[in-house]
Amino acid sequence: MNFIIALLTGLGVGSGGLYILYLTLFHHIPQAEAQGLNLVFFITASLAASLVNTFKKRISWTAVIILALSGIPGAVLGSFLARKIEGELLSNLFNILLLVAGTVSLFKKNEE
């Protein structure tokens, strides 16, 4: 089952949200721990993708630096807030985020 979830996530189906749902629903892992595991999963996959795209010269390193300088403080702040929020509330907030993101994606016009 892990392979199927990883395959679907790699294909862009459900992204990390699918993996978190799988961990919480089928393995009964607490929400915060599932999000941490998802982060490890994402970092591993993104490193592999970064290597491939670096060799194909598809990465703007200026953009990477700008995003890293803004993303790292945001990740630290988010981690701090997640530790302060009760697990059930954190789970409900995440579910709302998935619902809103799914609804926006469903009704967003295809721009291609």
N, C-alpha and C. Protein backbone atom coordinates (compact mmCIF):
# COMPACT_ATOMS: atom_id res chain seq x y z
N MET A 1 0.82 -1.19 0.00
CA MET A 1 0.00 0.00 0.00
C MET A 1 0.86 1.25 0.00
N ASN A 2 1.99 1.22 0.72
CA ASN A 2 2.89 2.37 0.74
C ASN A 2 3.37 2.71 -0.67
N PHE A 3 3.68 1.67 -1.45
CA PHE A 3 4.15 1.89 -2.81
C PHE A 3 3.08 2.60 -3.65
N ILE A 4 1.84 2.17 -3.51
CA ILE A 4 0.74 2.77 -4.28
C ILE A 4 0.56 4.24 -3.91
N ILE A 5 0.60 4.55 -2.60
CA ILE A 5 0.48 5.94 -2.15
C ILE A 5 1.64 6.76 -2.68
N ALA A 6 2.86 6.21 -2.61
CA ALA A 6 4.03 6.92 -3.12
C ALA A 6 3.92 7.15 -4.62
N LEU A 7 3.45 6.14 -5.35
CA LEU A 7 3.29 6.27 -6.79
C LEU A 7 2.27 7.36 -7.13
N LEU A 8 1.12 7.32 -6.48
CA LEU A 8 0.08 8.32 -6.73
C LEU A 8 0.58 9.72 -6.38
N THR A 9 1.27 9.84 -5.27
CA THR A 9 1.80 11.14 -4.86
C THR A 9 2.83 11.63 -5.86
N GLY A 10 3.69 10.74 -6.32
CA GLY A 10 4.69 11.11 -7.32
C GLY A 10 4.08 11.55 -8.63
N LEU A 11 2.90 11.02 -8.94
CA LEU A 11 2.20 11.42 -10.16
C LEU A 11 1.38 12.69 -9.96
N GLY A 12 1.40 13.21 -8.74
CA GLY A 12 0.68 14.45 -8.48
C GLY A 12 -0.77 14.25 -8.06
N VAL A 13 -1.16 13.01 -7.77
CA VAL A 13 -2.54 12.73 -7.36
C VAL A 13 -2.62 12.90 -5.85
N GLY A 14 -3.22 13.98 -5.40
CA GLY A 14 -3.43 14.16 -3.97
C GLY A 14 -2.24 14.73 -3.22
N SER A 15 -1.10 14.72 -3.83
CA SER A 15 0.11 15.25 -3.23
C SER A 15 0.34 14.68 -1.84
N GLY A 16 0.91 15.47 -0.95
CA GLY A 16 1.20 15.00 0.40
C GLY A 16 -0.04 14.79 1.24
N GLY A 17 -1.13 15.48 0.89
CA GLY A 17 -2.37 15.32 1.63
C GLY A 17 -2.85 13.88 1.61
N LEU A 18 -2.67 13.22 0.50
CA LEU A 18 -3.07 11.82 0.35
C LEU A 18 -2.26 10.94 1.30
N TYR A 19 -0.98 11.21 1.39
CA TYR A 19 -0.11 10.44 2.27
C TYR A 19 -0.48 10.67 3.73
N ILE A 20 -0.77 11.91 4.10
CA ILE A 20 -1.16 12.21 5.47
C ILE A 20 -2.47 11.52 5.81
N LEU A 21 -3.43 11.58 4.91
CA LEU A 21 -4.70 10.89 5.15
C LEU A 21 -4.48 9.39 5.32
N TYR A 22 -3.65 8.82 4.49
CA TYR A 22 -3.34 7.39 4.58
C TYR A 22 -2.74 7.06 5.95
N LEU A 23 -1.77 7.85 6.38
CA LEU A 23 -1.12 7.58 7.66
C LEU A 23 -2.07 7.72 8.84
N THR A 24 -2.92 8.75 8.80
CA THR A 24 -3.82 8.97 9.93
C THR A 24 -4.99 7.99 9.94
N LEU A 25 -5.54 7.66 8.78
CA LEU A 25 -6.71 6.79 8.73
C LEU A 25 -6.38 5.31 8.84
N PHE A 26 -5.33 4.86 8.17
CA PHE A 26 -5.02 3.44 8.13
C PHE A 26 -3.99 2.99 9.16
N HIS A 27 -3.11 3.90 9.55
CA HIS A 27 -2.08 3.54 10.52
C HIS A 27 -2.29 4.22 11.87
N HIS A 28 -3.33 5.03 11.97
CA HIS A 28 -3.70 5.71 13.21
C HIS A 28 -2.54 6.50 13.83
N ILE A 29 -1.77 7.12 12.95
CA ILE A 29 -0.66 7.96 13.40
C ILE A 29 -1.23 9.35 13.69
N PRO A 30 -0.83 9.97 14.80
CA PRO A 30 -1.32 11.32 15.11
C PRO A 30 -1.01 12.31 13.99
N GLN A 31 -1.88 13.30 13.86
CA GLN A 31 -1.79 14.28 12.77
C GLN A 31 -0.41 14.94 12.66
N ALA A 32 0.11 15.45 13.76
CA ALA A 32 1.39 16.14 13.73
C ALA A 32 2.52 15.21 13.30
N GLU A 33 2.50 13.97 13.77
CA GLU A 33 3.52 13.00 13.39
C GLU A 33 3.40 12.63 11.91
N ALA A 34 2.17 12.50 11.42
CA ALA A 34 1.95 12.20 10.00
C ALA A 34 2.47 13.33 9.13
N GLN A 35 2.27 14.57 9.57
CA GLN A 35 2.78 15.70 8.80
C GLN A 35 4.30 15.71 8.78
N GLY A 36 4.92 15.31 9.89
CA GLY A 36 6.38 15.22 9.93
C GLY A 36 6.90 14.14 8.99
N LEU A 37 6.24 12.99 8.96
CA LEU A 37 6.62 11.92 8.04
C LEU A 37 6.43 12.35 6.59
N ASN A 38 5.35 13.10 6.35
CA ASN A 38 5.11 13.61 5.00
C ASN A 38 6.22 14.57 4.59
N LEU A 39 6.70 15.36 5.53
CA LEU A 39 7.79 16.29 5.23
C LEU A 39 9.06 15.53 4.84
N VAL A 40 9.38 14.45 5.57
CA VAL A 40 10.54 13.62 5.22
C VAL A 40 10.36 13.02 3.82
N PHE A 41 9.15 12.53 3.55
CA PHE A 41 8.83 11.96 2.24
C PHE A 41 9.02 13.01 1.15
N PHE A 42 8.51 14.22 1.39
CA PHE A 42 8.60 15.30 0.41
C PHE A 42 10.05 15.72 0.17
N ILE A 43 10.82 15.85 1.23
CA ILE A 43 12.21 16.27 1.10
C ILE A 43 13.00 15.26 0.26
N THR A 44 12.78 13.98 0.52
CA THR A 44 13.47 12.94 -0.24
C THR A 44 13.11 13.01 -1.72
N ALA A 45 11.81 13.14 -2.01
CA ALA A 45 11.37 13.21 -3.41
C ALA A 45 11.87 14.48 -4.08
N SER A 46 11.86 15.59 -3.35
CA SER A 46 12.29 16.86 -3.96
C SER A 46 13.80 16.87 -4.22
N LEU A 47 14.56 16.21 -3.37
CA LEU A 47 16.00 16.12 -3.63
C LEU A 47 16.28 15.35 -4.92
N ALA A 48 15.57 14.25 -5.12
CA ALA A 48 15.75 13.48 -6.35
C ALA A 48 15.34 14.31 -7.56
N ALA A 49 14.22 15.00 -7.47
CA ALA A 49 13.76 15.84 -8.59
C ALA A 49 14.73 16.99 -8.84
N SER A 50 15.29 17.54 -7.77
CA SER A 50 16.25 18.64 -7.91
C SER A 50 17.51 18.19 -8.64
N LEU A 51 17.98 17.00 -8.31
CA LEU A 51 19.17 16.48 -9.00
C LEU A 51 18.92 16.32 -10.50
N VAL A 52 17.79 15.73 -10.84
CA VAL A 52 17.46 15.53 -12.26
C VAL A 52 17.35 16.88 -12.97
N ASN A 53 16.64 17.81 -12.36
CA ASN A 53 16.44 19.11 -13.00
C ASN A 53 17.70 19.97 -13.02
N THR A 54 18.61 19.75 -12.08
CA THR A 54 19.89 20.45 -12.12
C THR A 54 20.70 19.99 -13.32
N PHE A 55 20.74 18.68 -13.55
CA PHE A 55 21.47 18.16 -14.70
C PHE A 55 20.85 18.62 -16.02
N LYS A 56 19.55 18.85 -16.05
CA LYS A 56 18.88 19.31 -17.26
C LYS A 56 18.84 20.84 -17.36
N LYS A 57 19.50 21.51 -16.39
CA LYS A 57 19.61 22.98 -16.35
C LYS A 57 18.25 23.67 -16.37
N ARG A 58 17.31 23.16 -15.56
CA ARG A 58 15.96 23.71 -15.48
C ARG A 58 15.72 24.50 -14.19
N ILE A 59 16.76 24.76 -13.42
CA ILE A 59 16.57 25.41 -12.12
C ILE A 59 17.16 26.81 -12.15
N SER A 60 16.35 27.79 -11.72
CA SER A 60 16.81 29.16 -11.54
C SER A 60 17.31 29.29 -10.10
N TRP A 61 18.60 29.33 -9.94
CA TRP A 61 19.17 29.34 -8.59
C TRP A 61 18.87 30.64 -7.86
N THR A 62 18.66 31.73 -8.58
CA THR A 62 18.25 32.98 -7.94
C THR A 62 16.89 32.80 -7.27
N ALA A 63 15.96 32.17 -7.98
CA ALA A 63 14.64 31.92 -7.41
C ALA A 63 14.73 30.96 -6.22
N VAL A 64 15.60 29.97 -6.31
CA VAL A 64 15.77 29.01 -5.22
C VAL A 64 16.23 29.74 -3.95
N ILE A 65 17.18 30.63 -4.08
CA ILE A 65 17.71 31.36 -2.92
C ILE A 65 16.63 32.25 -2.31
N ILE A 66 15.88 32.96 -3.15
CA ILE A 66 14.81 33.83 -2.66
C ILE A 66 13.74 33.01 -1.93
N LEU A 67 13.33 31.91 -2.53
CA LEU A 67 12.31 31.06 -1.91
C LEU A 67 12.82 30.43 -0.61
N ALA A 68 14.07 30.02 -0.58
CA ALA A 68 14.63 29.43 0.63
C ALA A 68 14.70 30.45 1.77
N LEU A 69 15.11 31.67 1.44
CA LEU A 69 15.21 32.70 2.47
C LEU A 69 13.85 33.09 3.05
N SER A 70 12.80 32.94 2.27
CA SER A 70 11.47 33.22 2.80
C SER A 70 10.80 31.96 3.35
N GLY A 71 11.10 30.80 2.78
CA GLY A 71 10.46 29.56 3.19
C GLY A 71 10.96 29.00 4.51
N ILE A 72 12.24 29.15 4.78
CA ILE A 72 12.80 28.59 6.02
C ILE A 72 12.19 29.26 7.25
N PRO A 73 12.13 30.60 7.32
CA PRO A 73 11.46 31.20 8.49
C PRO A 73 9.98 30.81 8.58
N GLY A 74 9.31 30.69 7.45
CA GLY A 74 7.91 30.27 7.46
C GLY A 74 7.74 28.85 7.98
N ALA A 75 8.65 27.97 7.62
CA ALA A 75 8.60 26.58 8.09
C ALA A 75 8.85 26.51 9.59
N VAL A 76 9.81 27.30 10.08
CA VAL A 76 10.11 27.31 11.51
C VAL A 76 8.91 27.84 12.29
N LEU A 77 8.32 28.93 11.82
CA LEU A 77 7.14 29.49 12.47
C LEU A 77 5.98 28.50 12.45
N GLY A 78 5.75 27.86 11.30
CA GLY A 78 4.68 26.87 11.18
C GLY A 78 4.89 25.69 12.11
N SER A 79 6.12 25.25 12.24
CA SER A 79 6.44 24.15 13.15
C SER A 79 6.16 24.54 14.59
N PHE A 80 6.56 25.74 14.95
CA PHE A 80 6.31 26.23 16.31
C PHE A 80 4.81 26.30 16.59
N LEU A 81 4.05 26.84 15.64
CA LEU A 81 2.60 26.94 15.83
C LEU A 81 1.93 25.57 15.90
N ALA A 82 2.40 24.63 15.08
CA ALA A 82 1.82 23.29 15.09
C ALA A 82 2.02 22.60 16.43
N ARG A 83 3.12 22.88 17.09
CA ARG A 83 3.37 22.29 18.41
C ARG A 83 2.45 22.89 19.47
N LYS A 84 2.04 24.12 19.27
CA LYS A 84 1.21 24.82 20.25
C LYS A 84 -0.28 24.52 20.09
N ILE A 85 -0.68 24.04 18.91
CA ILE A 85 -2.09 23.79 18.62
C ILE A 85 -2.43 22.35 19.00
N GLU A 86 -3.57 22.17 19.63
CA GLU A 86 -4.04 20.84 20.02
C GLU A 86 -4.19 19.96 18.76
N GLY A 87 -3.89 18.67 18.89
CA GLY A 87 -3.88 17.75 17.76
C GLY A 87 -5.19 17.69 17.00
N GLU A 88 -6.31 17.65 17.71
CA GLU A 88 -7.61 17.57 17.03
C GLU A 88 -7.91 18.85 16.25
N LEU A 89 -7.58 20.00 16.82
CA LEU A 89 -7.79 21.27 16.12
C LEU A 89 -6.88 21.34 14.89
N LEU A 90 -5.63 20.91 15.05
CA LEU A 90 -4.70 20.89 13.93
C LEU A 90 -5.23 20.01 12.80
N SER A 91 -5.77 18.86 13.16
CA SER A 91 -6.35 17.95 12.18
C SER A 91 -7.54 18.60 11.46
N ASN A 92 -8.40 19.26 12.21
CA ASN A 92 -9.56 19.93 11.60
C ASN A 92 -9.14 21.06 10.68
N LEU A 93 -8.14 21.84 11.09
CA LEU A 93 -7.64 22.92 10.24
C LEU A 93 -7.05 22.37 8.95
N PHE A 94 -6.34 21.26 9.06
CA PHE A 94 -5.75 20.64 7.87
C PHE A 94 -6.85 20.12 6.94
N ASN A 95 -7.88 19.53 7.51
CA ASN A 95 -9.01 19.05 6.69
C ASN A 95 -9.68 20.19 5.96
N ILE A 96 -9.84 21.32 6.64
CA ILE A 96 -10.44 22.50 5.99
C ILE A 96 -9.55 22.98 4.85
N LEU A 97 -8.23 23.00 5.09
CA LEU A 97 -7.29 23.40 4.05
C LEU A 97 -7.41 22.50 2.82
N LEU A 98 -7.49 21.18 3.04
CA LEU A 98 -7.64 20.25 1.92
C LEU A 98 -8.96 20.47 1.19
N LEU A 99 -10.02 20.72 1.93
CA LEU A 99 -11.33 20.97 1.32
C LEU A 99 -11.31 22.23 0.46
N VAL A 100 -10.73 23.30 0.98
CA VAL A 100 -10.66 24.56 0.23
C VAL A 100 -9.77 24.38 -1.01
N ALA A 101 -8.61 23.75 -0.83
CA ALA A 101 -7.70 23.55 -1.97
C ALA A 101 -8.35 22.68 -3.04
N GLY A 102 -9.04 21.63 -2.62
CA GLY A 102 -9.72 20.76 -3.58
C GLY A 102 -10.84 21.49 -4.31
N THR A 103 -11.60 22.31 -3.59
CA THR A 103 -12.69 23.06 -4.21
C THR A 103 -12.16 24.07 -5.21
N VAL A 104 -11.10 24.78 -4.84
CA VAL A 104 -10.50 25.75 -5.76
C VAL A 104 -9.98 25.05 -7.01
N SER A 105 -9.30 23.91 -6.82
CA SER A 105 -8.79 23.16 -7.97
C SER A 105 -9.91 22.65 -8.86
N LEU A 106 -11.01 22.25 -8.27
CA LEU A 106 -12.13 21.72 -9.02
C LEU A 106 -12.76 22.78 -9.92
N PHE A 107 -12.86 23.99 -9.40
CA PHE A 107 -13.54 25.04 -10.15
C PHE A 107 -12.60 25.99 -10.90
N LYS A 108 -11.31 25.82 -10.74
CA LYS A 108 -10.34 26.67 -11.42
C LYS A 108 -10.31 26.29 -12.91
N LYS A 109 -10.31 27.31 -13.74
CA LYS A 109 -10.26 27.06 -15.18
C LYS A 109 -8.86 26.59 -15.56
N ASN A 110 -8.83 25.65 -16.47
CA ASN A 110 -7.55 25.15 -16.96
C ASN A 110 -6.90 26.23 -17.82
N GLU A 111 -5.70 26.65 -17.42
CA GLU A 111 -5.02 27.77 -18.09
C GLU A 111 -4.08 27.31 -19.20
N GLU A 112 -4.05 26.05 -19.50
CA GLU A 112 -3.12 25.55 -20.52
C GLU A 112 -3.71 25.65 -21.90
